[in-house]
PDB file of N, CA and C in Angstrom:
ATOM      1  N   MET A   1      10.460  -0.111  -2.033  1.00  0.00           N
ATOM      2  CA  MET A   1      10.029  -0.444  -0.694  1.00  0.00           C
ATOM      3  C   MET A   1      11.021  -1.440  -0.120  1.00  0.00           C
ATOM      4  N   GLY A   2      10.969  -2.682  -0.167  1.00  0.00           N
ATOM      5  CA  GLY A   2      11.966  -3.656   0.215  1.00  0.00           C
ATOM      6  C   GLY A   2      12.496  -3.549   1.637  1.00  0.00           C
ATOM      7  N   ALA A   3      12.956  -4.655   2.126  1.00  0.00           N
ATOM      8  CA  ALA A   3      13.483  -4.723   3.490  1.00  0.00           C
ATOM      9  C   ALA A   3      14.878  -4.124   3.551  1.00  0.00           C
ATOM     10  N   VAL A   4      15.163  -3.406   4.613  1.00  0.00           N
ATOM     11  CA  VAL A   4      16.494  -2.842   4.809  1.00  0.00           C
ATOM     12  C   VAL A   4      17.476  -3.974   5.054  1.00  0.00           C
ATOM     13  N   THR A   5      17.125  -4.892   5.913  1.00  0.00           N
ATOM     14  CA  THR A   5      17.934  -6.068   6.174  1.00  0.00           C
ATOM     15  C   THR A   5      17.107  -7.296   5.795  1.00  0.00           C
ATOM     16  N   PRO A   6      17.281  -7.776   4.551  1.00  0.00           N
ATOM     17  CA  PRO A   6      16.476  -8.910   4.122  1.00  0.00           C
ATOM     18  C   PRO A   6      16.659 -10.110   5.044  1.00  0.00           C
ATOM     19  N   ALA A   7      15.575 -10.787   5.330  1.00  0.00           N
ATOM     20  CA  ALA A   7      15.627 -11.973   6.178  1.00  0.00           C
ATOM     21  C   ALA A   7      14.943 -13.120   5.448  1.00  0.00           C
ATOM     22  N   ARG A   8      15.292 -14.311   5.814  1.00  0.00           N
ATOM     23  CA  ARG A   8      14.643 -15.474   5.229  1.00  0.00           C
ATOM     24  C   ARG A   8      13.176 -15.480   5.627  1.00  0.00           C
ATOM     25  N   ARG A   9      12.349 -15.805   4.681  1.00  0.00           N
ATOM     26  CA  ARG A   9      10.927 -15.861   4.961  1.00  0.00           C
ATOM     27  C   ARG A   9      10.567 -17.241   5.489  1.00  0.00           C
ATOM     28  N   THR A  10       9.534 -17.297   6.301  1.00  0.00           N
ATOM     29  CA  THR A  10       9.127 -18.584   6.869  1.00  0.00           C
ATOM     30  C   THR A  10       8.053 -19.262   6.034  1.00  0.00           C
ATOM     31  N   GLU A  11       7.455 -18.517   5.102  1.00  0.00           N
ATOM     32  CA  GLU A  11       6.425 -19.084   4.231  1.00  0.00           C
ATOM     33  C   GLU A  11       6.802 -18.814   2.781  1.00  0.00           C
ATOM     34  N   THR A  12       6.424 -19.737   1.907  1.00  0.00           N
ATOM     35  CA  THR A  12       6.653 -19.522   0.487  1.00  0.00           C
ATOM     36  C   THR A  12       5.585 -18.588  -0.057  1.00  0.00           C
ATOM     37  N   ALA A  13       5.833 -18.059  -1.248  1.00  0.00           N
ATOM     38  CA  ALA A  13       4.852 -17.190  -1.897  1.00  0.00           C
ATOM     39  C   ALA A  13       3.544 -17.943  -2.122  1.00  0.00           C
ATOM     40  N   ARG A  14       3.651 -19.216  -2.449  1.00  0.00           N
ATOM     41  CA  ARG A  14       2.443 -20.019  -2.679  1.00  0.00           C
ATOM     42  C   ARG A  14       1.624 -20.150  -1.391  1.00  0.00           C
ATOM     43  N   GLU A  15       2.292 -20.391  -0.270  1.00  0.00           N
ATOM     44  CA  GLU A  15       1.576 -20.526   1.004  1.00  0.00           C
ATOM     45  C   GLU A  15       0.891 -19.219   1.394  1.00  0.00           C
ATOM     46  N   VAL A  16       1.580 -18.107   1.229  1.00  0.00           N
ATOM     47  CA  VAL A  16       0.985 -16.809   1.556  1.00  0.00           C
ATOM     48  C   VAL A  16      -0.194 -16.531   0.635  1.00  0.00           C
ATOM     49  N   ALA A  17      -0.030 -16.834  -0.658  1.00  0.00           N
ATOM     50  CA  ALA A  17      -1.099 -16.603  -1.629  1.00  0.00           C
ATOM     51  C   ALA A  17      -2.340 -17.412  -1.288  1.00  0.00           C
ATOM     52  N   GLU A  18      -2.157 -18.661  -0.918  1.00  0.00           N
ATOM     53  CA  GLU A  18      -3.301 -19.505  -0.547  1.00  0.00           C
ATOM     54  C   GLU A  18      -3.988 -18.966   0.701  1.00  0.00           C
ATOM     55  N   ARG A  19      -3.184 -18.505   1.657  1.00  0.00           N
ATOM     56  CA  ARG A  19      -3.746 -17.969   2.898  1.00  0.00           C
ATOM     57  C   ARG A  19      -4.544 -16.702   2.641  1.00  0.00           C
ATOM     58  N   LEU A  20      -4.056 -15.856   1.722  1.00  0.00           N
ATOM     59  CA  LEU A  20      -4.707 -14.574   1.457  1.00  0.00           C
ATOM     60  C   LEU A  20      -5.708 -14.613   0.307  1.00  0.00           C
ATOM     61  N   GLY A  21      -5.711 -15.714  -0.447  1.00  0.00           N
ATOM     62  CA  GLY A  21      -6.642 -15.828  -1.561  1.00  0.00           C
ATOM     63  C   GLY A  21      -6.233 -14.990  -2.768  1.00  0.00           C
ATOM     64  N   ILE A  22      -4.928 -14.842  -2.984  1.00  0.00           N
ATOM     65  CA  ILE A  22      -4.420 -14.107  -4.142  1.00  0.00           C
ATOM     66  C   ILE A  22      -3.416 -14.988  -4.870  1.00  0.00           C
ATOM     67  N   SER A  23      -2.886 -14.503  -5.985  1.00  0.00           N
ATOM     68  CA  SER A  23      -1.959 -15.334  -6.757  1.00  0.00           C
ATOM     69  C   SER A  23      -0.538 -15.247  -6.185  1.00  0.00           C
ATOM     70  N   PRO A  24       0.253 -16.316  -6.355  1.00  0.00           N
ATOM     71  CA  PRO A  24       1.649 -16.296  -5.904  1.00  0.00           C
ATOM     72  C   PRO A  24       2.453 -15.177  -6.582  1.00  0.00           C
ATOM     73  N   ARG A  25       2.147 -14.880  -7.841  1.00  0.00           N
ATOM     74  CA  ARG A  25       2.857 -13.808  -8.541  1.00  0.00           C
ATOM     75  C   ARG A  25       2.625 -12.464  -7.861  1.00  0.00           C
ATOM     76  N   THR A  26       1.391 -12.218  -7.411  1.00  0.00           N
ATOM     77  CA  THR A  26       1.086 -10.975  -6.700  1.00  0.00           C
ATOM     78  C   THR A  26       1.896 -10.889  -5.418  1.00  0.00           C
ATOM     79  N   VAL A  27       2.008 -11.995  -4.708  1.00  0.00           N
ATOM     80  CA  VAL A  27       2.790 -12.020  -3.463  1.00  0.00           C
ATOM     81  C   VAL A  27       4.249 -11.707  -3.759  1.00  0.00           C
ATOM     82  N   ARG A  28       4.811 -12.338  -4.804  1.00  0.00           N
ATOM     83  CA  ARG A  28       6.216 -12.089  -5.156  1.00  0.00           C
ATOM     84  C   ARG A  28       6.434 -10.631  -5.548  1.00  0.00           C
ATOM     85  N   ASN A  29       5.505 -10.053  -6.281  1.00  0.00           N
ATOM     86  CA  ASN A  29       5.643  -8.652  -6.685  1.00  0.00           C
ATOM     87  C   ASN A  29       5.606  -7.720  -5.477  1.00  0.00           C
ATOM     88  N   ILE A  30       4.761  -8.016  -4.513  1.00  0.00           N
ATOM     89  CA  ILE A  30       4.644  -7.180  -3.322  1.00  0.00           C
ATOM     90  C   ILE A  30       5.892  -7.312  -2.453  1.00  0.00           C
ATOM     91  N   MET A  31       6.418  -8.522  -2.329  1.00  0.00           N
ATOM     92  CA  MET A  31       7.535  -8.786  -1.436  1.00  0.00           C
ATOM     93  C   MET A  31       8.888  -8.445  -2.053  1.00  0.00           C
ATOM     94  N   ALA A  32       8.943  -8.247  -3.357  1.00  0.00           N
ATOM     95  CA  ALA A  32      10.217  -8.048  -4.044  1.00  0.00           C
ATOM     96  C   ALA A  32      10.870  -6.719  -3.678  1.00  0.00           C
ATOM     97  N   GLU A  33      12.187  -6.764  -3.616  1.00  0.00           N
ATOM     98  CA  GLU A  33      12.972  -5.553  -3.410  1.00  0.00           C
ATOM     99  C   GLU A  33      13.008  -4.800  -4.736  1.00  0.00           C
ATOM    100  N   PRO A  34      12.872  -3.486  -4.721  1.00  0.00           N
ATOM    101  CA  PRO A  34      12.954  -2.727  -5.969  1.00  0.00           C
ATOM    102  C   PRO A  34      14.270  -3.007  -6.695  1.00  0.00           C
ATOM    103  N   ARG A  35      14.204  -3.114  -8.016  1.00  0.00           N
ATOM    104  CA  ARG A  35      15.358  -3.496  -8.834  1.00  0.00           C
ATOM    105  C   ARG A  35      16.563  -2.586  -8.603  1.00  0.00           C
ATOM    106  N   ALA A  36      16.340  -1.289  -8.571  1.00  0.00           N
ATOM    107  CA  ALA A  36      17.449  -0.346  -8.397  1.00  0.00           C
ATOM    108  C   ALA A  36      18.163  -0.571  -7.067  1.00  0.00           C
ATOM    109  N   GLU A  37      17.399  -0.828  -6.014  1.00  0.00           N
ATOM    110  CA  GLU A  37      18.005  -1.082  -4.701  1.00  0.00           C
ATOM    111  C   GLU A  37      18.808  -2.377  -4.716  1.00  0.00           C
ATOM    112  N   PHE A  38      18.242  -3.413  -5.346  1.00  0.00           N
ATOM    113  CA  PHE A  38      18.940  -4.690  -5.435  1.00  0.00           C
ATOM    114  C   PHE A  38      20.253  -4.529  -6.193  1.00  0.00           C
ATOM    115  N   GLU A  39      20.212  -3.852  -7.342  1.00  0.00           N
ATOM    116  CA  GLU A  39      21.414  -3.685  -8.148  1.00  0.00           C
ATOM    117  C   GLU A  39      22.475  -2.866  -7.423  1.00  0.00           C
ATOM    118  N   ALA A  40      22.058  -1.839  -6.692  1.00  0.00           N
ATOM    119  CA  ALA A  40      23.015  -1.031  -5.934  1.00  0.00           C
ATOM    120  C   ALA A  40      23.665  -1.858  -4.825  1.00  0.00           C
ATOM    121  N   ARG A  41      22.851  -2.654  -4.130  1.00  0.00           N
ATOM    122  CA  ARG A  41      23.368  -3.497  -3.055  1.00  0.00           C
ATOM    123  C   ARG A  41      24.321  -4.560  -3.608  1.00  0.00           C
ATOM    124  N   ALA A  42      23.967  -5.147  -4.759  1.00  0.00           N
ATOM    125  CA  ALA A  42      24.808  -6.173  -5.380  1.00  0.00           C
ATOM    126  C   ALA A  42      26.131  -5.573  -5.867  1.00  0.00           C
ATOM    127  N   ALA A  43      26.077  -4.379  -6.440  1.00  0.00           N
ATOM    128  CA  ALA A  43      27.297  -3.718  -6.916  1.00  0.00           C
ATOM    129  C   ALA A  43      28.232  -3.416  -5.744  1.00  0.00           C
ATOM    130  N   GLU A  44      27.682  -2.970  -4.640  1.00  0.00           N
ATOM    131  CA  GLU A  44      28.490  -2.689  -3.455  1.00  0.00           C
ATOM    132  C   GLU A  44      29.121  -3.976  -2.915  1.00  0.00           C
ATOM    133  N   ARG A  45      28.355  -5.062  -2.919  1.00  0.00           N
ATOM    134  CA  ARG A  45      28.882  -6.344  -2.447  1.00  0.00           C
ATOM    135  C   ARG A  45      30.017  -6.814  -3.364  1.00  0.00           C
ATOM    136  N   ARG A  46      29.842  -6.685  -4.691  1.00  0.00           N
ATOM    137  CA  ARG A  46      30.910  -7.066  -5.625  1.00  0.00           C
ATOM    138  C   ARG A  46      32.161  -6.218  -5.395  1.00  0.00           C
ATOM    139  N   ARG A  47      31.980  -4.913  -5.221  1.00  0.00           N
ATOM    140  CA  ARG A  47      33.109  -4.016  -4.983  1.00  0.00           C
ATOM    141  C   ARG A  47      33.865  -4.427  -3.722  1.00  0.00           C
ATOM    142  N   ARG A  48      33.109  -4.753  -2.669  1.00  0.00           N
ATOM    143  CA  ARG A  48      33.719  -5.139  -1.387  1.00  0.00           C
ATOM    144  C   ARG A  48      34.481  -6.456  -1.513  1.00  0.00           C
ATOM    145  N   VAL A  49      33.923  -7.429  -2.254  1.00  0.00           N
ATOM    146  CA  VAL A  49      34.597  -8.714  -2.458  1.00  0.00           C
ATOM    147  C   VAL A  49      35.921  -8.496  -3.177  1.00  0.00           C
ATOM    148  N   LEU A  50      35.916  -7.693  -4.236  1.00  0.00           N
ATOM    149  CA  LEU A  50      37.142  -7.436  -4.984  1.00  0.00           C
ATOM    150  C   LEU A  50      38.164  -6.690  -4.134  1.00  0.00           C
ATOM    151  N   GLU A  51      37.685  -5.768  -3.332  1.00  0.00           N
ATOM    152  CA  GLU A  51      38.568  -5.013  -2.443  1.00  0.00           C
ATOM    153  C   GLU A  51      39.245  -5.938  -1.426  1.00  0.00           C
ATOM    154  N   LEU A  52      38.470  -6.819  -0.822  1.00  0.00           N
ATOM    155  CA  LEU A  52      39.026  -7.736   0.176  1.00  0.00           C
ATOM    156  C   LEU A  52      40.000  -8.724  -0.453  1.00  0.00           C
ATOM    157  N   ARG A  53      39.705  -9.173  -1.677  1.00  0.00           N
ATOM    158  CA  ARG A  53      40.616 -10.092  -2.357  1.00  0.00           C
ATOM    159  C   ARG A  53      41.932  -9.392  -2.674  1.00  0.00           C
ATOM    160  N   ALA A  54      41.847  -8.118  -3.060  1.00  0.00           N
ATOM    161  CA  ALA A  54      43.061  -7.344  -3.356  1.00  0.00           C
ATOM    162  C   ALA A  54      43.912  -7.170  -2.095  1.00  0.00           C
ATOM    163  N   GLU A  55      43.263  -7.183  -0.933  1.00  0.00           N
ATOM    164  CA  GLU A  55      43.992  -7.096   0.335  1.00  0.00           C
ATOM    165  C   GLU A  55      44.631  -8.425   0.715  1.00  0.00           C
ATOM    166  N   GLY A  56      44.321  -9.488  -0.041  1.00  0.00           N
ATOM    167  CA  GLY A  56      44.953 -10.774   0.185  1.00  0.00           C
ATOM    168  C   GLY A  56      44.154 -11.759   1.025  1.00  0.00           C
ATOM    169  N   LEU A  57      42.896 -11.460   1.313  1.00  0.00           N
ATOM    170  CA  LEU A  57      42.087 -12.374   2.109  1.00  0.00           C
ATOM    171  C   LEU A  57      41.737 -13.624   1.302  1.00  0.00           C
ATOM    172  N   LYS A  58      41.564 -14.740   2.010  1.00  0.00           N
ATOM    173  CA  LYS A  58      41.145 -15.991   1.385  1.00  0.00           C
ATOM    174  C   LYS A  58      39.650 -15.954   1.146  1.00  0.00           C
ATOM    175  N   LEU A  59      39.170 -16.829   0.256  1.00  0.00           N
ATOM    176  CA  LEU A  59      37.754 -16.844  -0.091  1.00  0.00           C
ATOM    177  C   LEU A  59      36.868 -17.026   1.140  1.00  0.00           C
ATOM    178  N   ARG A  60      37.236 -17.926   2.013  1.00  0.00           N
ATOM    179  CA  ARG A  60      36.427 -18.159   3.219  1.00  0.00           C
ATOM    180  C   ARG A  60      36.375 -16.909   4.099  1.00  0.00           C
ATOM    181  N   GLU A  61      37.493 -16.227   4.220  1.00  0.00           N
ATOM    182  CA  GLU A  61      37.537 -15.001   5.028  1.00  0.00           C
ATOM    183  C   GLU A  61      36.650 -13.919   4.413  1.00  0.00           C
ATOM    184  N   ILE A  62      36.693 -13.807   3.089  1.00  0.00           N
ATOM    185  CA  ILE A  62      35.851 -12.835   2.398  1.00  0.00           C
ATOM    186  C   ILE A  62      34.380 -13.190   2.592  1.00  0.00           C
ATOM    187  N   ALA A  63      34.060 -14.458   2.444  1.00  0.00           N
ATOM    188  CA  ALA A  63      32.679 -14.910   2.599  1.00  0.00           C
ATOM    189  C   ALA A  63      32.150 -14.575   3.988  1.00  0.00           C
ATOM    190  N   ASN A  64      32.949 -14.805   5.002  1.00  0.00           N
ATOM    191  CA  ASN A  64      32.536 -14.479   6.369  1.00  0.00           C
ATOM    192  C   ASN A  64      32.353 -12.981   6.556  1.00  0.00           C
ATOM    193  N   GLU A  65      33.228 -12.200   5.945  1.00  0.00           N
ATOM    194  CA  GLU A  65      33.184 -10.735   6.085  1.00  0.00           C
ATOM    195  C   GLU A  65      31.930 -10.136   5.447  1.00  0.00           C
ATOM    196  N   VAL A  66      31.571 -10.614   4.245  1.00  0.00           N
ATOM    197  CA  VAL A  66      30.440 -10.017   3.527  1.00  0.00           C
ATOM    198  C   VAL A  66      29.136 -10.785   3.696  1.00  0.00           C
ATOM    199  N   GLY A  67      29.179 -11.916   4.414  1.00  0.00           N
ATOM    200  CA  GLY A  67      27.958 -12.677   4.671  1.00  0.00           C
ATOM    201  C   GLY A  67      27.458 -13.455   3.463  1.00  0.00           C
ATOM    202  N   MET A  68      28.382 -14.056   2.734  1.00  0.00           N
ATOM    203  CA  MET A  68      28.042 -14.848   1.557  1.00  0.00           C
ATOM    204  C   MET A  68      28.615 -16.251   1.718  1.00  0.00           C
ATOM    205  N   THR A  69      28.284 -17.103   0.750  1.00  0.00           N
ATOM    206  CA  THR A  69      28.905 -18.416   0.714  1.00  0.00           C
ATOM    207  C   THR A  69      30.247 -18.301   0.001  1.00  0.00           C
ATOM    208  N   VAL A  70      31.113 -19.287   0.217  1.00  0.00           N
ATOM    209  CA  VAL A  70      32.406 -19.313  -0.463  1.00  0.00           C
ATOM    210  C   VAL A  70      32.177 -19.422  -1.975  1.00  0.00           C
ATOM    211  N   GLY A  71      31.196 -20.206  -2.372  1.00  0.00           N
ATOM    212  CA  GLY A  71      30.869 -20.344  -3.796  1.00  0.00           C
ATOM    213  C   GLY A  71      30.431 -19.029  -4.416  1.00  0.00           C
ATOM    214  N   GLY A  72      29.649 -18.259  -3.683  1.00  0.00           N
ATOM    215  CA  GLY A  72      29.203 -16.957  -4.180  1.00  0.00           C
ATOM    216  C   GLY A  72      30.362 -16.000  -4.373  1.00  0.00           C
ATOM    217  N   VAL A  73      31.287 -16.017  -3.441  1.00  0.00           N
ATOM    218  CA  VAL A  73      32.483 -15.180  -3.549  1.00  0.00           C
ATOM    219  C   VAL A  73      33.303 -15.627  -4.760  1.00  0.00           C
ATOM    220  N   GLY A  74      33.460 -16.940  -4.918  1.00  0.00           N
ATOM    221  CA  GLY A  74      34.203 -17.473  -6.064  1.00  0.00           C
ATOM    222  C   GLY A  74      33.566 -17.072  -7.384  1.00  0.00           C
ATOM    223  N   THR A  75      32.252 -17.086  -7.442  1.00  0.00           N
ATOM    224  CA  THR A  75      31.547 -16.692  -8.662  1.00  0.00           C
ATOM    225  C   THR A  75      31.794 -15.225  -8.991  1.00  0.00           C
ATOM    226  N   ILE A  76      31.716 -14.366  -7.992  1.00  0.00           N
ATOM    227  CA  ILE A  76      31.978 -12.936  -8.215  1.00  0.00           C
ATOM    228  C   ILE A  76      33.397 -12.736  -8.744  1.00  0.00           C
ATOM    229  N   LEU A  77      34.368 -13.394  -8.122  1.00  0.00           N
ATOM    230  CA  LEU A  77      35.760 -13.245  -8.549  1.00  0.00           C
ATOM    231  C   LEU A  77      35.975 -13.810  -9.953  1.00  0.00           C
ATOM    232  N   HIS A  78      35.382 -14.960 -10.237  1.00  0.00           N
ATOM    233  CA  HIS A  78      35.512 -15.587 -11.554  1.00  0.00           C
ATOM    234  C   HIS A  78      34.965 -14.666 -12.643  1.00  0.00           C
ATOM    235  N   ARG A  79      33.780 -14.111 -12.405  1.00  0.00           N
ATOM    236  CA  ARG A  79      33.173 -13.214 -13.401  1.00  0.00           C
ATOM    237  C   ARG A  79      33.999 -11.937 -13.558  1.00  0.00           C
ATOM    238  N   ALA A  80      34.547 -11.436 -12.466  1.00  0.00           N
ATOM    239  CA  ALA A  80      35.379 -10.224 -12.546  1.00  0.00           C
ATOM    240  C   ALA A  80      36.649 -10.506 -13.339  1.00  0.00           C
ATOM    241  N   TYR A  81      37.286 -11.657 -13.119  1.00  0.00           N
ATOM    242  CA  TYR A  81      38.503 -12.002 -13.839  1.00  0.00           C
ATOM    243  C   TYR A  81      38.211 -12.213 -15.324  1.00  0.00           C
ATOM    244  N   ASN A  82      37.089 -12.864 -15.638  1.00  0.00           N
ATOM    245  CA  ASN A  82      36.714 -13.074 -17.038  1.00  0.00           C
ATOM    246  C   ASN A  82      36.423 -11.746 -17.728  1.00  0.00           C
ATOM    247  N   ALA A  83      35.765 -10.833 -17.041  1.00  0.00           N
ATOM    248  CA  ALA A  83      35.469  -9.515 -17.606  1.00  0.00           C
ATOM    249  C   ALA A  83      36.773  -8.761 -17.874  1.00  0.00           C
ATOM    250  N   GLU A  84      37.719  -8.892 -16.976  1.00  0.00           N
ATOM    251  CA  GLU A  84      39.018  -8.218 -17.131  1.00  0.00           C
ATOM    252  C   GLU A  84      39.777  -8.817 -18.318  1.00  0.00           C
ATOM    253  N   ALA A  85      39.724 -10.143 -18.470  1.00  0.00           N
ATOM    254  CA  ALA A  85      40.431 -10.811 -19.554  1.00  0.00           C
ATOM    255  C   ALA A  85      39.800 -10.473 -20.915  1.00  0.00           C
ATOM    256  N   ALA A  86      38.497 -10.260 -20.935  1.00  0.00           N
ATOM    257  CA  ALA A  86      37.801  -9.953 -22.190  1.00  0.00           C
ATOM    258  C   ALA A  86      37.992  -8.514 -22.621  1.00  0.00           C
ATOM    259  N   ARG A  87      38.429  -7.645 -21.698  1.00  0.00           N
ATOM    260  CA  ARG A  87      38.647  -6.238 -22.007  1.00  0.00           C
ATOM    261  C   ARG A  87      39.850  -6.105 -22.935  1.00  0.00           C
ATOM    262  N   PRO A  88      39.730  -5.333 -24.019  1.00  0.00           N
ATOM    263  CA  PRO A  88      40.868  -5.178 -24.942  1.00  0.00           C
ATOM    264  C   PRO A  88      42.056  -4.492 -24.264  1.00  0.00           C
ATOM    265  N   ALA A  89      43.232  -4.940 -24.606  1.00  0.00           N
ATOM    266  CA  ALA A  89      44.460  -4.356 -24.036  1.00  0.00           C
ATOM    267  C   ALA A  89      44.671  -2.965 -24.619  1.00  0.00           C
ATOM    268  N   THR A  90      45.119  -2.057 -23.760  1.00  0.00           N
ATOM    269  CA  THR A  90      45.370  -0.684 -24.251  1.00  0.00           C
ATOM    270  C   THR A  90      46.823  -0.335 -24.181  1.00  0.00           C
TER     271      THR A  90
END
């Protein structure tokens, strides 16, 4: 199910749960994006970050392009470089 364009929520799960008389865990389960959709979206974002870096863009430029923080872009690149370094040479 999940939102096509996720937006920041104005209430926490606890506030919604108290208002509706249900548990916060139930609220989180209902509001959560399906795992497969999240993983597909995250994989596409990682692919796009690596593609833009290969084109020579700076971290800030990449962050603006994909709608992330500079730190998030740096984390994706760091993990990608570490994964590449850990791969056995052929």
